[in-house]
Amino acid sequence: MKKSVLIFFAVLFLFPSFLLNAQEDDIDRCLEEYLDSLPQEQAISQIFLVNIQGNKDYYAVEYTDDKKPLVPGGALFFAYNLGDTIEESISFVSSIEKYCDDNSILRPYLAVDQEGGLVNRLRSLSSTLPSAQKISETLTPSQAKELYSIQARQMRAIGFDMNLAPVAESLSEENKDFLDTRSYGDIPNSIVYTMAAVNAYQSNGINAVLKHFPGNTSVDPHTGLPEIDYDAKRIEYEFLIPFYFILSSNPSSVLMSHARVPAVDSSPACLSKIWVTDKLKGQLGFTGLVISDDIFMGALADNGYPPEKAAIQAIEAGVHVIMLSEKLFGKVAENLLEHAAKDKNFYERLRDAEKKVLEYKLNAGILKLIVKDGKKKIVQATMEEQLGTEQKRIEQFNKAKKEGMDFYRKYFVQGN
């Protein structure tokens, strides 16, 4: 075969990868430019996932010294942030966009803990979502995927793009008192049903967050520091191998636990470079968003890791998002900026975290890539572009809710 023909086929074979690399380089450049365009208080705010105030009209609860409102990169909803009706709830979500537009602020992504069963923030609004245990006992994985898809459509219609679920941990003697019905059960069930949930949510516009990596004990991290006293072989079998399979479903995010695993590292997992960077990102190859568990929990605060210190260690470990159940994050943000000003390596890690959140927002549709004057750039999308009109979303919610209640009656109500 002639040399020119060989070259032709080589170029033909390699062209898609050249094109893909070029597109990735373009997006990375655009993300860098967009990050550079943000005021410092908005850039640092991106790495926080924080509970917000109210359920009627959104407003910031803290400001910088020069009176600029602080809006977190992610807004964490609890049940009290939702109205009594779907109309009120969607109206509140719209008020977040209006507030951000009025103050020239990049709006947050919207997250909620909607596992089902006991952890069910949308209980008063959405169709019934049973616990993970009940689902694995009652439904096939295919049926579970259908149920979670219906739930995802309701969540998306309200305005959410992130669900802090599913719980990927298998149940064991050491964690059953804490996880209880939140787990799908043994390792095979946990793998199969977690993957079904991830696929269902992400196929319907809701980014799934696996939790809690690597695991927990029966010690509630809200009040104490869990310590997992496993040997290396059991760690591999119960933590790493199951998560390796589950991660093949490409969840957008992983939430780290506060648990210590002395056989691996003396630090809590969410503050450990070994767990976050070496094992999760390195050994397991995860490339998505890494989220800390709530750094105000007693597991950290009462064991030598106050929020300001924990936040620094989490970023150093490779975490991208700092979760706070409290509504105030300004003091922690200020502390991070002060540390970054003194430590160039920390500054780079902090910037990487900020950019990673912007990448998440681009994938979620909050940001969009456009071409202007022949040049690609990233701009903020409107909520209507991302989700549709309020009226359309109300109709979508009501339709999906009816589907959900019909599904629940069919599979979970005796006599039907």
Protein backbone atom coordinates (compact mmCIF):
# COMPACT_ATOMS: atom_id res chain seq x y z
CA MET A 1 0.00 0.00 0.00
CA LYS A 2 1.30 3.45 -0.90
CA LYS A 3 2.58 5.68 1.88
CA SER A 4 0.07 8.44 0.97
CA VAL A 5 -2.81 6.01 1.35
CA LEU A 6 -1.55 4.88 4.75
CA ILE A 7 -1.31 8.50 5.86
CA PHE A 8 -4.86 9.12 4.64
CA PHE A 9 -6.29 6.23 6.67
CA ALA A 10 -4.23 7.19 9.72
CA VAL A 11 -5.60 10.74 9.60
CA LEU A 12 -9.13 9.40 9.04
CA PHE A 13 -8.81 7.13 12.07
CA LEU A 14 -7.31 9.75 14.38
CA PHE A 15 -9.42 12.74 13.25
CA PRO A 16 -12.28 12.18 15.75
CA SER A 17 -9.84 12.21 18.68
CA PHE A 18 -8.17 15.37 17.33
CA LEU A 19 -11.60 16.97 17.06
CA LEU A 20 -12.59 15.87 20.57
CA ASN A 21 -9.36 17.19 22.08
CA ALA A 22 -9.83 20.50 20.27
CA GLN A 23 -13.38 20.81 21.62
CA GLU A 24 -12.22 20.02 25.15
CA ASP A 25 -9.45 22.62 24.86
CA ASP A 26 -12.00 25.20 23.66
CA ILE A 27 -14.32 24.50 26.58
CA ASP A 28 -11.47 24.61 29.08
CA ARG A 29 -10.31 27.96 27.69
CA CYS A 30 -13.88 29.32 27.85
CA LEU A 31 -14.26 28.14 31.45
CA GLU A 32 -10.99 29.85 32.39
CA GLU A 33 -12.15 33.07 30.75
CA TYR A 34 -15.54 32.93 32.45
CA LEU A 35 -13.95 32.30 35.83
CA ASP A 36 -11.62 35.26 35.29
CA SER A 37 -14.66 37.44 34.52
CA LEU A 38 -16.30 36.73 37.89
CA PRO A 39 -15.72 39.08 40.84
CA GLN A 40 -13.67 37.41 43.57
CA GLU A 41 -16.66 37.02 45.90
CA GLN A 42 -18.61 35.19 43.19
CA ALA A 43 -15.70 32.96 42.19
CA ILE A 44 -15.10 31.72 45.76
CA SER A 45 -18.85 31.35 46.35
CA GLN A 46 -19.03 28.71 43.61
CA ILE A 47 -17.45 26.03 45.80
CA PHE A 48 -20.14 26.22 48.50
CA LEU A 49 -23.34 24.18 48.68
CA VAL A 50 -25.38 25.95 51.35
CA ASN A 51 -28.91 25.87 52.75
CA ILE A 52 -30.89 28.98 51.80
CA GLN A 53 -33.48 31.20 53.42
CA GLY A 54 -37.25 31.20 52.95
CA ASN A 55 -39.75 29.74 50.50
CA LYS A 56 -41.46 32.84 49.08
CA ASP A 57 -38.94 35.38 47.78
CA TYR A 58 -35.23 34.57 47.76
CA TYR A 59 -32.68 36.96 49.25
CA ALA A 60 -29.08 36.71 50.36
CA VAL A 61 -28.50 36.45 54.12
CA GLU A 62 -24.94 37.80 54.20
CA TYR A 63 -22.81 40.36 52.39
CA THR A 64 -19.19 41.25 51.80
CA ASP A 65 -17.63 44.20 53.61
CA ASP A 66 -18.44 46.37 50.58
CA LYS A 67 -22.13 45.35 50.67
CA LYS A 68 -22.11 42.81 47.84
CA PRO A 69 -24.56 39.95 48.41
CA LEU A 70 -23.09 36.46 48.81
CA VAL A 71 -24.97 33.77 46.88
CA PRO A 72 -23.57 30.21 47.09
CA GLY A 73 -22.65 28.23 43.99
CA GLY A 74 -25.23 25.65 45.03
CA ALA A 75 -28.49 26.15 46.94
CA LEU A 76 -29.42 23.24 49.23
CA PHE A 77 -33.16 22.89 49.76
CA PHE A 78 -34.82 21.46 52.84
CA ALA A 79 -38.54 20.77 53.17
CA TYR A 80 -39.17 24.27 54.61
CA ASN A 81 -37.79 25.84 51.41
CA LEU A 82 -40.76 24.46 49.46
CA GLY A 83 -44.20 26.02 49.27
CA ASP A 84 -47.50 24.31 50.03
CA THR A 85 -48.23 23.96 46.31
CA ILE A 86 -46.25 23.31 43.15
CA GLU A 87 -47.10 26.83 41.97
CA GLU A 88 -45.61 28.39 45.11
CA SER A 89 -42.50 26.20 44.90
CA ILE A 90 -41.79 27.05 41.26
CA SER A 91 -42.41 30.73 42.00
CA PHE A 92 -39.78 30.62 44.77
CA VAL A 93 -37.28 28.99 42.40
CA SER A 94 -37.97 31.77 39.89
CA SER A 95 -37.32 34.36 42.59
CA ILE A 96 -33.76 32.99 42.91
CA GLU A 97 -33.15 33.77 39.25
CA LYS A 98 -34.69 37.24 39.58
CA TYR A 99 -32.57 38.09 42.62
CA CYS A 100 -29.39 36.95 40.87
CA ASP A 101 -30.27 38.84 37.69
CA ASP A 102 -31.04 42.02 39.66
CA ASN A 103 -27.64 41.78 41.37
CA SER A 104 -25.60 40.52 38.36
CA ILE A 105 -24.79 37.24 40.09
CA LEU A 106 -24.32 33.78 38.58
CA ARG A 107 -27.28 31.82 39.89
CA PRO A 108 -26.77 28.66 41.95
CA TYR A 109 -27.51 25.10 40.97
CA LEU A 110 -30.40 23.70 43.00
CA ALA A 111 -29.87 20.58 45.10
CA VAL A 112 -32.04 18.52 47.41
CA ASP A 113 -31.79 15.32 49.50
CA GLN A 114 -34.46 13.15 47.91
CA GLU A 115 -33.53 9.57 48.73
CA GLY A 116 -37.05 8.39 49.49
CA GLY A 117 -38.43 6.86 52.66
CA LEU A 118 -37.18 8.72 55.73
CA VAL A 119 -35.05 11.20 53.76
CA ASN A 120 -37.73 12.75 51.59
CA ARG A 121 -37.66 16.55 51.31
CA LEU A 122 -40.39 16.63 48.65
CA ARG A 123 -42.81 14.50 50.65
CA SER A 124 -45.53 17.19 50.69
CA LEU A 125 -45.34 17.84 46.95
CA SER A 126 -44.25 14.84 44.89
CA SER A 127 -45.63 11.35 44.43
CA THR A 128 -44.68 8.82 47.11
CA LEU A 129 -41.05 7.67 46.95
CA PRO A 130 -40.38 4.61 49.12
CA SER A 131 -37.08 3.90 50.84
CA ALA A 132 -34.17 2.23 49.08
CA GLN A 133 -34.77 -0.93 51.12
CA LYS A 134 -38.47 -1.07 50.17
CA ILE A 135 -37.65 -0.52 46.51
CA SER A 136 -35.04 -3.29 46.36
CA GLU A 137 -37.43 -5.66 48.14
CA THR A 138 -40.42 -4.85 45.91
CA LEU A 139 -39.21 -3.84 42.44
CA THR A 140 -36.89 -5.22 39.80
CA PRO A 141 -34.01 -2.90 38.82
CA SER A 142 -35.90 -2.03 35.64
CA GLN A 143 -39.01 -1.10 37.60
CA ALA A 144 -36.90 0.89 40.05
CA LYS A 145 -35.46 2.83 37.14
CA GLU A 146 -38.98 3.66 35.97
CA LEU A 147 -39.98 4.87 39.44
CA TYR A 148 -36.89 7.05 39.80
CA SER A 149 -37.40 8.46 36.29
CA ILE A 150 -40.91 9.59 37.24
CA GLN A 151 -39.56 11.16 40.42
CA ALA A 152 -36.78 12.89 38.45
CA ARG A 153 -39.27 14.51 36.09
CA GLN A 154 -41.10 16.00 39.06
CA MET A 155 -37.86 17.29 40.55
CA ARG A 156 -36.76 18.77 37.24
CA ALA A 157 -40.09 20.55 36.78
CA ILE A 158 -39.66 22.28 40.15
CA GLY A 159 -36.21 23.47 39.07
CA PHE A 160 -33.75 21.06 40.66
CA ASP A 161 -30.72 19.79 38.77
CA MET A 162 -28.99 17.83 41.57
CA ASN A 163 -30.18 15.09 43.92
CA LEU A 164 -27.98 14.15 46.89
CA ALA A 165 -28.84 10.50 46.28
CA PRO A 166 -28.68 7.55 45.96
CA VAL A 167 -26.96 5.96 48.95
CA ALA A 168 -24.50 3.55 47.33
CA GLU A 169 -23.28 1.86 50.52
CA SER A 170 -24.21 -1.73 51.17
CA LEU A 171 -25.70 -2.68 54.52
CA SER A 172 -23.49 -4.36 57.12
CA GLU A 173 -23.54 -5.14 60.81
CA GLU A 174 -21.31 -2.10 61.38
CA ASN A 175 -23.55 0.49 59.66
CA LYS A 176 -27.11 -0.88 59.85
CA ASP A 177 -28.18 1.34 62.77
CA PHE A 178 -27.20 4.48 60.83
CA LEU A 179 -28.16 3.54 57.26
CA ASP A 180 -31.17 1.36 58.12
CA THR A 181 -33.70 1.56 55.24
CA ARG A 182 -31.54 4.05 53.29
CA SER A 183 -29.45 1.21 51.81
CA TYR A 184 -30.50 -1.18 49.05
CA GLY A 185 -29.08 -4.07 51.07
CA ASP A 186 -26.18 -6.38 50.26
CA ILE A 187 -23.35 -5.59 47.83
CA PRO A 188 -24.97 -7.00 44.64
CA ASN A 189 -28.25 -5.18 45.35
CA SER A 190 -26.43 -1.96 46.17
CA ILE A 191 -24.55 -2.05 42.87
CA VAL A 192 -27.53 -2.90 40.66
CA TYR A 193 -30.14 -0.61 42.24
CA THR A 194 -27.75 2.31 42.69
CA MET A 195 -26.85 2.15 39.00
CA ALA A 196 -30.56 2.02 38.10
CA ALA A 197 -31.19 5.15 40.18
CA VAL A 198 -28.23 7.02 38.67
CA ASN A 199 -29.28 6.19 35.12
CA ALA A 200 -32.90 7.17 35.82
CA TYR A 201 -32.08 10.52 37.39
CA GLN A 202 -29.45 11.57 34.89
CA SER A 203 -31.54 10.57 31.87
CA ASN A 204 -34.14 13.05 33.11
CA GLY A 205 -31.98 16.08 33.88
CA ILE A 206 -31.21 15.40 37.55
CA ASN A 207 -27.53 14.92 38.38
CA ALA A 208 -27.06 12.07 40.83
CA VAL A 209 -24.70 12.26 43.82
CA LEU A 210 -23.36 8.92 45.10
CA LYS A 211 -22.97 8.82 48.85
CA HIS A 212 -21.17 8.27 51.08
CA PHE A 213 -17.67 7.33 49.83
CA PRO A 214 -16.05 5.23 51.15
CA GLY A 215 -18.63 4.30 53.81
CA ASN A 216 -19.99 4.77 57.31
CA THR A 217 -20.53 3.00 60.61
CA SER A 218 -23.56 3.12 62.90
CA VAL A 219 -22.14 6.28 64.51
CA ASP A 220 -24.22 9.24 63.29
CA PRO A 221 -21.72 11.77 61.82
CA HIS A 222 -24.00 14.59 62.97
CA THR A 223 -22.89 13.81 66.51
CA GLY A 224 -19.71 11.70 66.38
CA LEU A 225 -16.78 10.64 64.23
CA PRO A 226 -17.36 7.24 62.57
CA GLU A 227 -14.32 4.98 62.55
CA ILE A 228 -14.21 2.01 60.19
CA ASP A 229 -11.82 -0.56 61.56
CA TYR A 230 -11.50 -2.78 58.46
CA ASP A 231 -8.39 -4.50 57.14
CA ALA A 232 -7.14 -3.85 53.58
CA LYS A 233 -8.87 -6.90 52.08
CA ARG A 234 -12.29 -5.95 53.45
CA ILE A 235 -11.83 -2.32 52.38
CA GLU A 236 -11.16 -3.51 48.83
CA TYR A 237 -14.15 -5.87 48.78
CA GLU A 238 -16.79 -3.70 50.50
CA PHE A 239 -15.74 -0.20 49.41
CA LEU A 240 -13.55 -0.02 46.34
CA ILE A 241 -14.87 -2.82 44.14
CA PRO A 242 -18.59 -1.89 44.54
CA PHE A 243 -17.91 1.80 43.93
CA TYR A 244 -15.79 0.89 40.90
CA PHE A 245 -18.76 -0.86 39.29
CA ILE A 246 -21.25 1.84 40.29
CA LEU A 247 -19.04 4.63 38.92
CA SER A 248 -19.33 3.05 35.46
CA SER A 249 -22.86 4.56 35.40
CA ASN A 250 -21.14 7.99 35.28
CA PRO A 251 -22.76 9.83 38.19
CA SER A 252 -22.09 13.54 38.07
CA SER A 253 -20.88 13.70 41.67
CA VAL A 254 -19.66 11.75 44.68
CA LEU A 255 -20.23 12.86 48.27
CA MET A 256 -17.45 11.97 50.70
CA SER A 257 -18.16 10.61 54.17
CA HIS A 258 -16.66 11.87 57.42
CA ALA A 259 -15.59 8.38 58.44
CA ARG A 260 -12.01 7.59 59.38
CA VAL A 261 -10.46 4.39 58.07
CA PRO A 262 -7.26 3.94 60.13
CA ALA A 263 -5.91 1.23 57.83
CA VAL A 264 -5.79 3.83 55.03
CA ASP A 265 -5.44 7.29 56.63
CA SER A 266 -5.82 8.96 60.01
CA SER A 267 -7.88 11.84 58.58
CA PRO A 268 -11.65 11.73 57.95
CA ALA A 269 -12.26 10.61 54.35
CA CYS A 270 -13.60 13.99 53.17
CA LEU A 271 -10.34 15.63 54.35
CA SER A 272 -8.03 12.90 53.09
CA LYS A 273 -5.93 13.26 49.95
CA ILE A 274 -5.49 9.48 49.96
CA TRP A 275 -9.24 8.86 49.78
CA VAL A 276 -10.22 11.78 47.51
CA THR A 277 -7.32 12.08 45.09
CA ASP A 278 -5.43 8.80 45.26
CA LYS A 279 -8.32 6.35 45.54
CA LEU A 280 -11.50 8.03 44.20
CA LYS A 281 -9.91 10.06 41.38
CA GLY A 282 -6.82 7.91 40.83
CA GLN A 283 -7.56 4.25 41.47
CA LEU A 284 -11.28 4.44 40.59
CA GLY A 285 -10.86 7.03 37.81
CA PHE A 286 -13.66 9.38 38.89
CA THR A 287 -13.59 12.70 37.01
CA GLY A 288 -16.78 14.38 38.25
CA LEU A 289 -17.63 16.73 41.09
CA VAL A 290 -16.42 15.72 44.57
CA ILE A 291 -18.55 17.07 47.43
CA SER A 292 -17.76 17.08 51.14
CA ASP A 293 -20.38 16.07 53.64
CA ASP A 294 -21.58 18.90 55.88
CA ILE A 295 -18.47 20.34 57.54
CA PHE A 296 -20.57 21.68 60.43
CA MET A 297 -21.40 18.13 61.54
CA GLY A 298 -20.24 17.06 64.97
CA ALA A 299 -18.03 14.40 63.39
CA LEU A 300 -15.61 17.16 62.38
CA ALA A 301 -16.39 20.18 64.54
CA ASP A 302 -16.14 18.23 67.81
CA ASN A 303 -12.99 16.33 66.87
CA GLY A 304 -10.44 19.01 66.08
CA TYR A 305 -11.72 20.05 62.65
CA PRO A 306 -13.63 23.37 62.96
CA PRO A 307 -15.26 24.53 59.69
CA GLU A 308 -12.45 26.93 58.72
CA LYS A 309 -9.79 24.24 59.15
CA ALA A 310 -11.91 21.49 57.60
CA ALA A 311 -12.58 23.57 54.48
CA ILE A 312 -8.86 24.10 53.86
CA GLN A 313 -8.09 20.41 54.33
CA ALA A 314 -10.96 19.39 52.06
CA ILE A 315 -9.71 21.58 49.19
CA GLU A 316 -6.15 20.31 49.74
CA ALA A 317 -7.49 16.75 49.58
CA GLY A 318 -9.09 17.40 46.17
CA VAL A 319 -12.70 18.17 47.14
CA HIS A 320 -14.48 20.63 44.81
CA VAL A 321 -17.59 21.55 46.83
CA ILE A 322 -17.87 22.37 50.53
CA MET A 323 -21.30 21.56 51.92
CA LEU A 324 -22.69 23.59 54.81
CA SER A 325 -26.11 23.00 56.37
CA GLU A 326 -25.78 26.48 57.88
CA LYS A 327 -26.86 29.44 55.78
CA LEU A 328 -23.65 31.43 56.36
CA PHE A 329 -20.43 30.68 54.51
CA GLY A 330 -18.72 34.07 54.26
CA LYS A 331 -16.30 33.51 57.13
CA VAL A 332 -15.18 30.16 55.71
CA ALA A 333 -14.78 31.70 52.24
CA GLU A 334 -12.70 34.56 53.63
CA ASN A 335 -10.44 32.10 55.41
CA LEU A 336 -9.91 30.13 52.20
CA LEU A 337 -8.97 33.30 50.30
CA GLU A 338 -6.50 34.32 53.01
CA HIS A 339 -4.88 30.89 52.85
CA ALA A 340 -4.74 31.00 49.04
CA ALA A 341 -3.00 34.38 49.15
CA LYS A 342 -0.15 32.79 51.15
CA ASP A 343 0.07 29.43 49.38
CA LYS A 344 0.35 29.25 45.58
CA ASN A 345 -0.36 25.52 45.45
CA PHE A 346 -3.50 25.98 47.51
CA TYR A 347 -4.54 28.87 45.25
CA GLU A 348 -4.31 26.58 42.23
CA ARG A 349 -6.36 23.85 43.93
CA LEU A 350 -8.98 26.40 44.92
CA ARG A 351 -9.16 27.71 41.37
CA ASP A 352 -9.49 24.16 40.02
CA ALA A 353 -12.45 23.62 42.37
CA GLU A 354 -14.12 26.84 41.23
CA LYS A 355 -13.66 25.88 37.58
CA LYS A 356 -15.01 22.38 38.22
CA VAL A 357 -18.25 23.86 39.55
CA LEU A 358 -18.53 26.07 36.46
CA GLU A 359 -18.05 22.94 34.34
CA TYR A 360 -20.90 21.32 36.28
CA LYS A 361 -23.11 24.35 35.64
CA LEU A 362 -22.29 24.20 31.94
CA ASN A 363 -23.28 20.54 31.79
CA ALA A 364 -26.45 21.27 33.81
CA GLY A 365 -27.55 24.02 31.41
CA ILE A 366 -27.16 26.93 33.84
CA LEU A 367 -24.31 28.12 31.64
CA LYS A 368 -24.18 27.72 27.87
CA LEU A 369 -21.53 27.86 25.16
CA ILE A 370 -22.20 30.35 22.37
CA VAL A 371 -20.33 31.76 19.39
CA LYS A 372 -20.10 35.55 19.30
CA ASP A 373 -18.09 37.51 16.75
CA GLY A 374 -16.58 34.23 15.58
CA LYS A 375 -15.35 33.32 19.07
CA LYS A 376 -16.69 30.75 21.52
CA LYS A 377 -17.61 32.00 24.97
CA ILE A 378 -19.65 30.93 27.99
CA VAL A 379 -22.66 32.93 29.17
CA GLN A 380 -25.43 32.33 31.66
CA ALA A 381 -28.62 30.75 30.30
CA THR A 382 -32.04 31.85 31.47
CA MET A 383 -34.10 29.49 33.59
CA GLU A 384 -36.72 29.43 30.84
CA GLU A 385 -34.07 28.28 28.36
CA GLN A 386 -32.95 25.63 30.81
CA LEU A 387 -36.34 24.41 32.06
CA GLY A 388 -39.19 25.97 30.08
CA THR A 389 -41.90 28.39 31.23
CA GLU A 390 -43.41 28.19 34.70
CA GLN A 391 -46.75 27.07 33.28
CA LYS A 392 -45.14 24.32 31.24
CA ARG A 393 -43.26 23.12 34.30
CA ILE A 394 -46.43 23.05 36.41
CA GLU A 395 -48.09 20.90 33.75
CA GLN A 396 -45.05 18.59 33.55
CA PHE A 397 -44.99 18.21 37.32
CA ASN A 398 -48.68 17.38 37.61
CA LYS A 399 -48.45 14.82 34.80
CA ALA A 400 -45.41 13.12 36.32
CA LYS A 401 -46.95 13.18 39.80
CA LYS A 402 -50.03 11.35 38.52
CA GLU A 403 -47.77 8.77 36.87
CA GLY A 404 -45.91 8.39 40.15
CA MET A 405 -49.02 7.86 42.24
CA ASP A 406 -50.39 5.34 39.71
CA PHE A 407 -47.05 3.49 39.83
CA TYR A 408 -47.03 3.49 43.63
CA ARG A 409 -50.56 2.12 43.85
CA LYS A 410 -49.74 -0.59 41.31
CA TYR A 411 -46.65 -1.95 43.04
CA PHE A 412 -46.80 -0.91 46.70
CA VAL A 413 -50.48 -0.79 47.70
CA GLN A 414 -51.94 -4.19 48.55
CA GLY A 415 -55.00 -5.25 46.62
CA ASN A 416 -54.07 -3.41 43.41
